[in-house]
Amino acid sequence: MRSAGSFIGGLLAGAALGATIALLYAPQSGEDTRKQIKKKVDELEDELDVLRGKLKTKGGELKEDIKQRIHEVEGRIEKMVNEYKKPQEAKAK
């Protein structure tokens, strides 16, 4: 999960850097360049918010899936313990 977040963060940082460099080398006034940079930063922030929301949703789904699997494993272990105890109890009688 952490590596996916790092990858996405790197991807967004690279996109922002590339867009900024492209704008800085564009033949236009400084004011226009600053406006375009601000617009791109705002767009990237919006995109990052969407990705955060998706990541939270996936993280919540993963958490619930793990809880369910742990519960299933606990049930299997309990069943195995009970099956093991039956022959032991029969020997003790």
C-alpha atoms as a PDB file:
ATOM      1  CA  MET A   1       0.000   0.000   0.000  1.00  0.00           C
ATOM      2  CA  ARG A   2       2.814   2.342   0.877  1.00  0.00           C
ATOM      3  CA  SER A   3       4.675   1.709  -2.401  1.00  0.00           C
ATOM      4  CA  ALA A   4       1.537   2.512  -4.419  1.00  0.00           C
ATOM      5  CA  GLY A   5       1.208   5.825  -2.575  1.00  0.00           C
ATOM      6  CA  SER A   6       4.875   6.592  -3.178  1.00  0.00           C
ATOM      7  CA  PHE A   7       4.503   5.789  -6.858  1.00  0.00           C
ATOM      8  CA  ILE A   8       1.433   8.004  -7.227  1.00  0.00           C
ATOM      9  CA  GLY A   9       3.141  10.809  -5.300  1.00  0.00           C
ATOM     10  CA  GLY A  10       6.190  10.543  -7.540  1.00  0.00           C
ATOM     11  CA  LEU A  11       4.031  10.465 -10.627  1.00  0.00           C
ATOM     12  CA  LEU A  12       2.181  13.614  -9.592  1.00  0.00           C
ATOM     13  CA  ALA A  13       5.398  15.379  -8.589  1.00  0.00           C
ATOM     14  CA  GLY A  14       6.934  14.505 -11.952  1.00  0.00           C
ATOM     15  CA  ALA A  15       3.881  15.747 -13.804  1.00  0.00           C
ATOM     16  CA  ALA A  16       3.908  19.009 -11.849  1.00  0.00           C
ATOM     17  CA  LEU A  17       7.612  19.513 -12.456  1.00  0.00           C
ATOM     18  CA  GLY A  18       7.269  18.775 -16.169  1.00  0.00           C
ATOM     19  CA  ALA A  19       4.327  21.140 -16.539  1.00  0.00           C
ATOM     20  CA  THR A  20       6.165  23.874 -14.642  1.00  0.00           C
ATOM     21  CA  ILE A  21       9.300  23.563 -16.764  1.00  0.00           C
ATOM     22  CA  ALA A  22       7.235  23.600 -19.961  1.00  0.00           C
ATOM     23  CA  LEU A  23       5.442  26.746 -18.853  1.00  0.00           C
ATOM     24  CA  LEU A  24       8.657  28.490 -17.839  1.00  0.00           C
ATOM     25  CA  TYR A  25      10.140  27.948 -21.284  1.00  0.00           C
ATOM     26  CA  ALA A  26       6.982  29.041 -23.115  1.00  0.00           C
ATOM     27  CA  PRO A  27       7.253  32.408 -24.919  1.00  0.00           C
ATOM     28  CA  GLN A  28       4.718  34.462 -22.940  1.00  0.00           C
ATOM     29  CA  SER A  29       4.584  37.105 -20.240  1.00  0.00           C
ATOM     30  CA  GLY A  30       5.488  36.339 -16.644  1.00  0.00           C
ATOM     31  CA  GLU A  31       1.951  37.092 -15.484  1.00  0.00           C
ATOM     32  CA  ASP A  32       0.462  34.615 -17.968  1.00  0.00           C
ATOM     33  CA  THR A  33       3.026  32.012 -16.951  1.00  0.00           C
ATOM     34  CA  ARG A  34       2.195  32.466 -13.251  1.00  0.00           C
ATOM     35  CA  LYS A  35      -1.523  32.122 -14.004  1.00  0.00           C
ATOM     36  CA  GLN A  36      -0.925  28.924 -15.951  1.00  0.00           C
ATOM     37  CA  ILE A  37       1.304  27.517 -13.201  1.00  0.00           C
ATOM     38  CA  LYS A  38      -1.369  28.301 -10.592  1.00  0.00           C
ATOM     39  CA  LYS A  39      -4.016  26.671 -12.769  1.00  0.00           C
ATOM     40  CA  LYS A  40      -1.903  23.523 -13.185  1.00  0.00           C
ATOM     41  CA  VAL A  41      -1.163  23.372  -9.445  1.00  0.00           C
ATOM     42  CA  ASP A  42      -4.883  23.685  -8.698  1.00  0.00           C
ATOM     43  CA  GLU A  43      -5.674  20.913 -11.188  1.00  0.00           C
ATOM     44  CA  LEU A  44      -3.033  18.655  -9.634  1.00  0.00           C
ATOM     45  CA  GLU A  45      -4.356  19.369  -6.137  1.00  0.00           C
ATOM     46  CA  ASP A  46      -7.851  18.399  -7.285  1.00  0.00           C
ATOM     47  CA  GLU A  47      -6.512  15.224  -8.863  1.00  0.00           C
ATOM     48  CA  LEU A  48      -4.599  14.415  -5.690  1.00  0.00           C
ATOM     49  CA  ASP A  49      -7.788  14.861  -3.629  1.00  0.00           C
ATOM     50  CA  VAL A  50      -9.594  12.404  -5.913  1.00  0.00           C
ATOM     51  CA  LEU A  51      -6.742   9.897  -5.587  1.00  0.00           C
ATOM     52  CA  ARG A  52      -6.730  10.296  -1.792  1.00  0.00           C
ATOM     53  CA  GLY A  53     -10.449   9.546  -1.725  1.00  0.00           C
ATOM     54  CA  LYS A  54      -9.969   6.446  -3.858  1.00  0.00           C
ATOM     55  CA  LEU A  55      -7.085   5.312  -1.674  1.00  0.00           C
ATOM     56  CA  LYS A  56      -9.156   5.755   1.499  1.00  0.00           C
ATOM     57  CA  THR A  57     -11.979   3.747  -0.056  1.00  0.00           C
ATOM     58  CA  LYS A  58      -9.639   0.962  -1.132  1.00  0.00           C
ATOM     59  CA  GLY A  59      -7.922   1.028   2.252  1.00  0.00           C
ATOM     60  CA  GLY A  60     -11.268   0.671   4.015  1.00  0.00           C
ATOM     61  CA  GLU A  61     -12.261  -2.201   1.741  1.00  0.00           C
ATOM     62  CA  LEU A  62      -8.929  -3.898   2.364  1.00  0.00           C
ATOM     63  CA  LYS A  63      -9.304  -3.453   6.120  1.00  0.00           C
ATOM     64  CA  GLU A  64     -12.758  -5.042   6.091  1.00  0.00           C
ATOM     65  CA  ASP A  65     -11.528  -7.901   3.900  1.00  0.00           C
ATOM     66  CA  ILE A  66      -8.655  -8.582   6.295  1.00  0.00           C
ATOM     67  CA  LYS A  67     -11.011  -8.527   9.296  1.00  0.00           C
ATOM     68  CA  GLN A  68     -13.296 -11.024   7.587  1.00  0.00           C
ATOM     69  CA  ARG A  69     -10.424 -13.345   6.706  1.00  0.00           C
ATOM     70  CA  ILE A  70      -9.068 -13.197  10.248  1.00  0.00           C
ATOM     71  CA  HIS A  71     -12.514 -14.103  11.568  1.00  0.00           C
ATOM     72  CA  GLU A  72     -12.689 -17.052   9.146  1.00  0.00           C
ATOM     73  CA  VAL A  73      -9.229 -18.285  10.195  1.00  0.00           C
ATOM     74  CA  GLU A  74     -10.150 -17.956  13.866  1.00  0.00           C
ATOM     75  CA  GLY A  75     -13.255 -20.069  13.199  1.00  0.00           C
ATOM     76  CA  ARG A  76     -11.197 -22.748  11.452  1.00  0.00           C
ATOM     77  CA  ILE A  77      -8.674 -22.814  14.287  1.00  0.00           C
ATOM     78  CA  GLU A  78     -11.431 -23.120  16.864  1.00  0.00           C
ATOM     79  CA  LYS A  79     -12.997 -25.962  14.877  1.00  0.00           C
ATOM     80  CA  MET A  80      -9.639 -27.753  14.622  1.00  0.00           C
ATOM     81  CA  VAL A  81      -9.006 -27.336  18.356  1.00  0.00           C
ATOM     82  CA  ASN A  82     -12.443 -28.741  19.162  1.00  0.00           C
ATOM     83  CA  GLU A  83     -11.892 -31.704  16.821  1.00  0.00           C
ATOM     84  CA  TYR A  84      -8.532 -32.353  18.484  1.00  0.00           C
ATOM     85  CA  LYS A  85     -10.075 -32.190  21.967  1.00  0.00           C
ATOM     86  CA  LYS A  86     -12.788 -34.755  21.189  1.00  0.00           C
ATOM     87  CA  PRO A  87     -10.405 -37.754  20.907  1.00  0.00           C
ATOM     88  CA  GLN A  88      -8.411 -36.500  23.926  1.00  0.00           C
ATOM     89  CA  GLU A  89     -11.573 -36.287  26.039  1.00  0.00           C
ATOM     90  CA  ALA A  90     -12.670 -39.739  24.913  1.00  0.00           C
ATOM     91  CA  LYS A  91      -9.297 -41.203  25.995  1.00  0.00           C
ATOM     92  CA  ALA A  92      -9.587 -39.518  29.385  1.00  0.00           C
ATOM     93  CA  LYS A  93     -12.964 -41.162  30.096  1.00  0.00           C
END
